[in-house]
Amino acid sequence: MNLSKLGIGINRLLMLTLVGLVLMACSPQQSFKNVDITGGKAFGTDFSLLDPDGKVRTLADFKGKVVVMFFGYTQCPDVCPTTLTEMQQAMTLLGPKADQVQVLFVTLDPERDSARILKQYVPAFDSRFLGLRPADEVSLEKVAKDFKIYYKQVPGTSPGSYTMDHTAGSYAFDPKGNLRLYIKHAQGPETLAQDLKELMK
């Protein structure tokens, strides 16, 4: 065995290992508590929805901020108010960094959730939160399909009354507008705040 060649081979291997470690150190991986969907099959790339003042909003309006997007309805008895309360608590935990976050509440029940109702309901949890609604049924179906959101009316006990079954999780975009996280329901404000901080990096 040629010992000099063996020495060169070991040195080369060590050098490659060192270079790999340096590259890893230069590009640290983000660590999330919720479901990291970065780089997955493209969906939820944009939206076109109305704010309470009738202005069309798209993802580009919030570029530079972490955007958290939740789909629900104002008459929801449990999941929706719980989620919005948790988001408000996470904003409190973020302190001044909360100004780098935009929470969007998208109604799946535009029949009852008028612009006036959304303007009152959503900011009641946090004045920075914004309620959005689709312009019509076609727009609702499109945004639900684009974001893989399940929703269905469930008839109530009296005529005209109903509840909505719907997806309970939320989505989070990074400041560049890339869809990064699926936030599971009831993870706790601490977990949510930690993940939002990661997205700000």
C-alpha atoms as a PDB file:
ATOM      1  CA  MET A   1       0.000   0.000   0.000  1.00  0.00           C
ATOM      2  CA  ASN A   2       1.317   3.455  -0.932  1.00  0.00           C
ATOM      3  CA  LEU A   3       1.234   5.352   2.361  1.00  0.00           C
ATOM      4  CA  SER A   4       1.794   8.730   0.704  1.00  0.00           C
ATOM      5  CA  LYS A   5      -1.280   8.242  -1.513  1.00  0.00           C
ATOM      6  CA  LEU A   6      -3.296   7.094   1.515  1.00  0.00           C
ATOM      7  CA  GLY A   7      -2.252  10.260   3.365  1.00  0.00           C
ATOM      8  CA  ILE A   8      -3.339  12.453   0.419  1.00  0.00           C
ATOM      9  CA  GLY A   9      -6.706  10.649   0.307  1.00  0.00           C
ATOM     10  CA  ILE A  10      -7.320  11.187   4.027  1.00  0.00           C
ATOM     11  CA  ASN A  11      -6.327  14.848   3.757  1.00  0.00           C
ATOM     12  CA  ARG A  12      -8.727  15.324   0.823  1.00  0.00           C
ATOM     13  CA  LEU A  13     -11.557  13.671   2.782  1.00  0.00           C
ATOM     14  CA  LEU A  14     -10.893  15.878   5.803  1.00  0.00           C
ATOM     15  CA  MET A  15     -10.836  18.973   3.599  1.00  0.00           C
ATOM     16  CA  LEU A  16     -14.183  18.082   1.975  1.00  0.00           C
ATOM     17  CA  THR A  17     -15.710  17.437   5.399  1.00  0.00           C
ATOM     18  CA  LEU A  18     -14.440  20.808   6.665  1.00  0.00           C
ATOM     19  CA  VAL A  19     -15.846  22.634   3.628  1.00  0.00           C
ATOM     20  CA  GLY A  20     -19.207  20.942   4.171  1.00  0.00           C
ATOM     21  CA  LEU A  21     -19.298  22.004   7.811  1.00  0.00           C
ATOM     22  CA  VAL A  22     -18.428  25.590   6.878  1.00  0.00           C
ATOM     23  CA  LEU A  23     -21.223  25.694   4.283  1.00  0.00           C
ATOM     24  CA  MET A  24     -23.715  24.333   6.815  1.00  0.00           C
ATOM     25  CA  ALA A  25     -22.652  26.997   9.303  1.00  0.00           C
ATOM     26  CA  CYS A  26     -23.140  29.712   6.683  1.00  0.00           C
ATOM     27  CA  SER A  27     -26.697  28.627   5.860  1.00  0.00           C
ATOM     28  CA  PRO A  28     -28.435  27.651   9.106  1.00  0.00           C
ATOM     29  CA  GLN A  29     -31.714  25.746   8.794  1.00  0.00           C
ATOM     30  CA  GLN A  30     -34.807  27.233  10.377  1.00  0.00           C
ATOM     31  CA  SER A  31     -36.473  25.100  13.008  1.00  0.00           C
ATOM     32  CA  PHE A  32     -40.264  25.270  13.329  1.00  0.00           C
ATOM     33  CA  LYS A  33     -42.659  23.788  15.847  1.00  0.00           C
ATOM     34  CA  ASN A  34     -45.516  23.738  13.346  1.00  0.00           C
ATOM     35  CA  VAL A  35     -45.636  22.002   9.953  1.00  0.00           C
ATOM     36  CA  ASP A  36     -42.921  23.272   7.605  1.00  0.00           C
ATOM     37  CA  ILE A  37     -44.348  23.266   4.072  1.00  0.00           C
ATOM     38  CA  THR A  38     -41.465  25.204   2.535  1.00  0.00           C
ATOM     39  CA  GLY A  39     -40.706  24.133  -1.008  1.00  0.00           C
ATOM     40  CA  GLY A  40     -43.669  21.786  -1.221  1.00  0.00           C
ATOM     41  CA  LYS A  41     -46.095  21.555  -4.121  1.00  0.00           C
ATOM     42  CA  ALA A  42     -47.032  25.115  -5.042  1.00  0.00           C
ATOM     43  CA  PHE A  43     -50.417  26.243  -3.750  1.00  0.00           C
ATOM     44  CA  GLY A  44     -51.766  29.282  -1.940  1.00  0.00           C
ATOM     45  CA  THR A  45     -49.467  31.564  -3.904  1.00  0.00           C
ATOM     46  CA  ASP A  46     -51.806  34.567  -3.825  1.00  0.00           C
ATOM     47  CA  PHE A  47     -55.353  35.770  -3.190  1.00  0.00           C
ATOM     48  CA  SER A  48     -57.685  38.578  -4.192  1.00  0.00           C
ATOM     49  CA  LEU A  49     -60.126  39.500  -1.428  1.00  0.00           C
ATOM     50  CA  LEU A  50     -62.018  42.546  -0.208  1.00  0.00           C
ATOM     51  CA  ASP A  51     -61.191  44.343   3.027  1.00  0.00           C
ATOM     52  CA  PRO A  52     -63.993  45.948   5.098  1.00  0.00           C
ATOM     53  CA  ASP A  53     -63.627  49.198   3.136  1.00  0.00           C
ATOM     54  CA  GLY A  54     -64.176  47.415  -0.167  1.00  0.00           C
ATOM     55  CA  LYS A  55     -60.531  47.616  -1.260  1.00  0.00           C
ATOM     56  CA  VAL A  56     -59.126  44.600  -3.109  1.00  0.00           C
ATOM     57  CA  ARG A  57     -56.243  43.092  -1.166  1.00  0.00           C
ATOM     58  CA  THR A  58     -53.584  40.692  -2.435  1.00  0.00           C
ATOM     59  CA  LEU A  59     -50.536  39.135  -0.825  1.00  0.00           C
ATOM     60  CA  ALA A  60     -48.338  41.863  -2.322  1.00  0.00           C
ATOM     61  CA  ASP A  61     -50.028  44.434  -0.041  1.00  0.00           C
ATOM     62  CA  PHE A  62     -48.325  42.822   2.951  1.00  0.00           C
ATOM     63  CA  LYS A  63     -44.854  42.227   1.517  1.00  0.00           C
ATOM     64  CA  GLY A  64     -42.169  42.710   4.144  1.00  0.00           C
ATOM     65  CA  LYS A  65     -44.336  41.245   6.894  1.00  0.00           C
ATOM     66  CA  VAL A  66     -44.961  37.740   8.148  1.00  0.00           C
ATOM     67  CA  VAL A  67     -48.571  37.014   7.170  1.00  0.00           C
ATOM     68  CA  VAL A  68     -50.766  34.630   9.154  1.00  0.00           C
ATOM     69  CA  MET A  69     -53.943  33.646   7.309  1.00  0.00           C
ATOM     70  CA  PHE A  70     -56.911  31.962   8.985  1.00  0.00           C
ATOM     71  CA  PHE A  71     -60.221  30.919   7.405  1.00  0.00           C
ATOM     72  CA  GLY A  72     -63.373  30.945   9.508  1.00  0.00           C
ATOM     73  CA  TYR A  73     -66.607  32.821  10.201  1.00  0.00           C
ATOM     74  CA  THR A  74     -67.743  35.302  12.825  1.00  0.00           C
ATOM     75  CA  GLN A  75     -70.563  33.184  14.251  1.00  0.00           C
ATOM     76  CA  CYS A  76     -68.184  30.285  14.905  1.00  0.00           C
ATOM     77  CA  PRO A  77     -68.739  29.134  18.508  1.00  0.00           C
ATOM     78  CA  ASP A  78     -65.292  27.758  19.295  1.00  0.00           C
ATOM     79  CA  VAL A  79     -62.411  27.309  16.825  1.00  0.00           C
ATOM     80  CA  CYS A  80     -62.420  30.832  15.353  1.00  0.00           C
ATOM     81  CA  PRO A  81     -62.516  32.918  18.537  1.00  0.00           C
ATOM     82  CA  THR A  82     -60.031  30.534  20.155  1.00  0.00           C
ATOM     83  CA  THR A  83     -57.633  30.891  17.223  1.00  0.00           C
ATOM     84  CA  LEU A  84     -57.895  34.688  17.084  1.00  0.00           C
ATOM     85  CA  THR A  85     -57.393  34.914  20.855  1.00  0.00           C
ATOM     86  CA  GLU A  86     -54.302  32.720  20.592  1.00  0.00           C
ATOM     87  CA  MET A  87     -52.951  34.909  17.795  1.00  0.00           C
ATOM     88  CA  GLN A  88     -53.547  38.015  19.897  1.00  0.00           C
ATOM     89  CA  GLN A  89     -51.644  36.430  22.784  1.00  0.00           C
ATOM     90  CA  ALA A  90     -48.783  35.565  20.423  1.00  0.00           C
ATOM     91  CA  MET A  91     -48.678  39.190  19.266  1.00  0.00           C
ATOM     92  CA  THR A  92     -48.365  40.273  22.898  1.00  0.00           C
ATOM     93  CA  LEU A  93     -45.481  37.851  23.410  1.00  0.00           C
ATOM     94  CA  LEU A  94     -43.719  39.241  20.332  1.00  0.00           C
ATOM     95  CA  GLY A  95     -43.705  42.750  21.782  1.00  0.00           C
ATOM     96  CA  PRO A  96     -42.408  45.360  19.285  1.00  0.00           C
ATOM     97  CA  LYS A  97     -41.750  42.578  16.740  1.00  0.00           C
ATOM     98  CA  ALA A  98     -45.526  42.132  16.422  1.00  0.00           C
ATOM     99  CA  ASP A  99     -45.569  45.099  14.042  1.00  0.00           C
ATOM    100  CA  GLN A 100     -43.793  42.834  11.547  1.00  0.00           C
ATOM    101  CA  VAL A 101     -46.795  40.467  11.527  1.00  0.00           C
ATOM    102  CA  GLN A 102     -50.118  40.795   9.701  1.00  0.00           C
ATOM    103  CA  VAL A 103     -52.961  38.507  10.752  1.00  0.00           C
ATOM    104  CA  LEU A 104     -55.697  38.025   8.153  1.00  0.00           C
ATOM    105  CA  PHE A 105     -59.095  36.501   8.946  1.00  0.00           C
ATOM    106  CA  VAL A 106     -60.850  35.277   5.790  1.00  0.00           C
ATOM    107  CA  THR A 107     -64.559  34.579   6.144  1.00  0.00           C
ATOM    108  CA  LEU A 108     -66.020  31.403   4.679  1.00  0.00           C
ATOM    109  CA  ASP A 109     -69.492  32.787   5.356  1.00  0.00           C
ATOM    110  CA  PRO A 110     -69.786  36.020   3.322  1.00  0.00           C
ATOM    111  CA  GLU A 111     -73.575  35.589   3.275  1.00  0.00           C
ATOM    112  CA  ARG A 112     -73.681  36.626   6.941  1.00  0.00           C
ATOM    113  CA  ASP A 113     -70.250  38.196   7.418  1.00  0.00           C
ATOM    114  CA  SER A 114     -70.761  41.606   5.857  1.00  0.00           C
ATOM    115  CA  ALA A 115     -67.989  44.174   5.596  1.00  0.00           C
ATOM    116  CA  ARG A 116     -69.488  46.002   8.581  1.00  0.00           C
ATOM    117  CA  ILE A 117     -69.480  42.879  10.757  1.00  0.00           C
ATOM    118  CA  LEU A 118     -65.899  41.994   9.818  1.00  0.00           C
ATOM    119  CA  LYS A 119     -64.786  45.545  10.585  1.00  0.00           C
ATOM    120  CA  GLN A 120     -66.161  45.192  14.105  1.00  0.00           C
ATOM    121  CA  TYR A 121     -65.404  41.543  14.874  1.00  0.00           C
ATOM    122  CA  VAL A 122     -61.821  41.003  13.712  1.00  0.00           C
ATOM    123  CA  PRO A 123     -60.091  44.094  15.223  1.00  0.00           C
ATOM    124  CA  ALA A 124     -61.868  43.382  18.525  1.00  0.00           C
ATOM    125  CA  PHE A 125     -59.168  40.753  19.104  1.00  0.00           C
ATOM    126  CA  ASP A 126     -56.303  43.035  18.019  1.00  0.00           C
ATOM    127  CA  SER A 127     -56.563  46.371  16.218  1.00  0.00           C
ATOM    128  CA  ARG A 128     -53.909  45.231  13.716  1.00  0.00           C
ATOM    129  CA  PHE A 129     -55.919  42.195  12.572  1.00  0.00           C
ATOM    130  CA  LEU A 130     -57.708  42.536   9.240  1.00  0.00           C
ATOM    131  CA  GLY A 131     -60.873  40.794   8.069  1.00  0.00           C
ATOM    132  CA  LEU A 132     -61.215  39.844   4.394  1.00  0.00           C
ATOM    133  CA  ARG A 133     -64.126  38.491   2.385  1.00  0.00           C
ATOM    134  CA  PRO A 134     -64.595  37.079  -1.104  1.00  0.00           C
ATOM    135  CA  ALA A 135     -66.629  39.213  -3.514  1.00  0.00           C
ATOM    136  CA  ASP A 136     -68.954  36.333  -4.443  1.00  0.00           C
ATOM    137  CA  GLU A 137     -69.436  32.574  -4.272  1.00  0.00           C
ATOM    138  CA  VAL A 138     -67.057  31.985  -7.194  1.00  0.00           C
ATOM    139  CA  SER A 139     -64.312  33.934  -5.389  1.00  0.00           C
ATOM    140  CA  LEU A 140     -64.970  31.961  -2.204  1.00  0.00           C
ATOM    141  CA  GLU A 141     -64.676  28.639  -4.017  1.00  0.00           C
ATOM    142  CA  LYS A 142     -61.471  29.793  -5.704  1.00  0.00           C
ATOM    143  CA  VAL A 143     -59.648  30.941  -2.567  1.00  0.00           C
ATOM    144  CA  ALA A 144     -60.750  27.812  -0.669  1.00  0.00           C
ATOM    145  CA  LYS A 145     -59.469  25.604  -3.483  1.00  0.00           C
ATOM    146  CA  ASP A 146     -56.223  27.578  -3.828  1.00  0.00           C
ATOM    147  CA  PHE A 147     -55.487  27.144  -0.117  1.00  0.00           C
ATOM    148  CA  LYS A 148     -56.890  23.604   0.204  1.00  0.00           C
ATOM    149  CA  ILE A 149     -59.512  24.756   2.716  1.00  0.00           C
ATOM    150  CA  TYR A 150     -62.479  22.542   3.515  1.00  0.00           C
ATOM    151  CA  TYR A 151     -65.786  24.214   4.363  1.00  0.00           C
ATOM    152  CA  LYS A 152     -69.411  23.124   4.411  1.00  0.00           C
ATOM    153  CA  GLN A 153     -72.657  24.550   5.725  1.00  0.00           C
ATOM    154  CA  VAL A 154     -74.327  22.439   8.394  1.00  0.00           C
ATOM    155  CA  PRO A 155     -78.093  23.102   8.772  1.00  0.00           C
ATOM    156  CA  GLY A 156     -79.234  24.317  12.193  1.00  0.00           C
ATOM    157  CA  THR A 157     -82.373  23.626  14.181  1.00  0.00           C
ATOM    158  CA  SER A 158     -84.367  26.477  12.656  1.00  0.00           C
ATOM    159  CA  PRO A 159     -84.848  27.648   9.040  1.00  0.00           C
ATOM    160  CA  GLY A 160     -81.991  29.859   7.868  1.00  0.00           C
ATOM    161  CA  SER A 161     -79.727  28.948  10.776  1.00  0.00           C
ATOM    162  CA  TYR A 162     -76.547  27.016  10.140  1.00  0.00           C
ATOM    163  CA  THR A 163     -72.987  26.490  11.282  1.00  0.00           C
ATOM    164  CA  MET A 164     -69.879  25.912   9.167  1.00  0.00           C
ATOM    165  CA  ASP A 165     -67.559  22.942   9.290  1.00  0.00           C
ATOM    166  CA  HIS A 166     -64.147  24.146   8.171  1.00  0.00           C
ATOM    167  CA  THR A 167     -60.398  23.606   8.283  1.00  0.00           C
ATOM    168  CA  ALA A 168     -59.108  24.684  11.700  1.00  0.00           C
ATOM    169  CA  GLY A 169     -55.461  25.384  10.888  1.00  0.00           C
ATOM    170  CA  SER A 170     -53.802  28.564   9.614  1.00  0.00           C
ATOM    171  CA  TYR A 171     -51.088  29.399   7.112  1.00  0.00           C
ATOM    172  CA  ALA A 172     -48.026  31.584   7.515  1.00  0.00           C
ATOM    173  CA  PHE A 173     -46.043  33.382   4.813  1.00  0.00           C
ATOM    174  CA  ASP A 174     -42.534  34.751   5.241  1.00  0.00           C
ATOM    175  CA  PRO A 175     -41.780  38.452   4.568  1.00  0.00           C
ATOM    176  CA  LYS A 176     -40.982  37.651   0.921  1.00  0.00           C
ATOM    177  CA  GLY A 177     -44.469  36.244   0.378  1.00  0.00           C
ATOM    178  CA  ASN A 178     -43.509  32.559   0.360  1.00  0.00           C
ATOM    179  CA  LEU A 179     -45.904  30.091   1.976  1.00  0.00           C
ATOM    180  CA  ARG A 180     -43.864  28.448   4.747  1.00  0.00           C
ATOM    181  CA  LEU A 181     -46.000  27.002   7.540  1.00  0.00           C
ATOM    182  CA  TYR A 182     -49.218  25.195   8.271  1.00  0.00           C
ATOM    183  CA  ILE A 183     -50.134  26.163  11.827  1.00  0.00           C
ATOM    184  CA  LYS A 184     -52.092  23.509  13.663  1.00  0.00           C
ATOM    185  CA  HIS A 185     -55.043  24.541  15.785  1.00  0.00           C
ATOM    186  CA  ALA A 186     -54.481  25.152  19.497  1.00  0.00           C
ATOM    187  CA  GLN A 187     -50.676  24.951  19.512  1.00  0.00           C
ATOM    188  CA  GLY A 188     -50.479  27.673  22.149  1.00  0.00           C
ATOM    189  CA  PRO A 189     -49.350  31.301  21.812  1.00  0.00           C
ATOM    190  CA  GLU A 190     -45.777  30.537  22.881  1.00  0.00           C
ATOM    191  CA  THR A 191     -45.281  28.034  20.054  1.00  0.00           C
ATOM    192  CA  LEU A 192     -46.888  30.378  17.535  1.00  0.00           C
ATOM    193  CA  ALA A 193     -44.754  33.338  18.650  1.00  0.00           C
ATOM    194  CA  GLN A 194     -41.589  31.256  18.389  1.00  0.00           C
ATOM    195  CA  ASP A 195     -42.371  30.184  14.836  1.00  0.00           C
ATOM    196  CA  LEU A 196     -43.239  33.731  13.796  1.00  0.00           C
ATOM    197  CA  LYS A 197     -39.876  34.906  15.124  1.00  0.00           C
ATOM    198  CA  GLU A 198     -38.175  32.226  13.016  1.00  0.00           C
ATOM    199  CA  LEU A 199     -39.982  33.475   9.925  1.00  0.00           C
ATOM    200  CA  MET A 200     -38.732  37.006  10.585  1.00  0.00           C
ATOM    201  CA  LYS A 201     -35.107  35.918  10.318  1.00  0.00           C
END
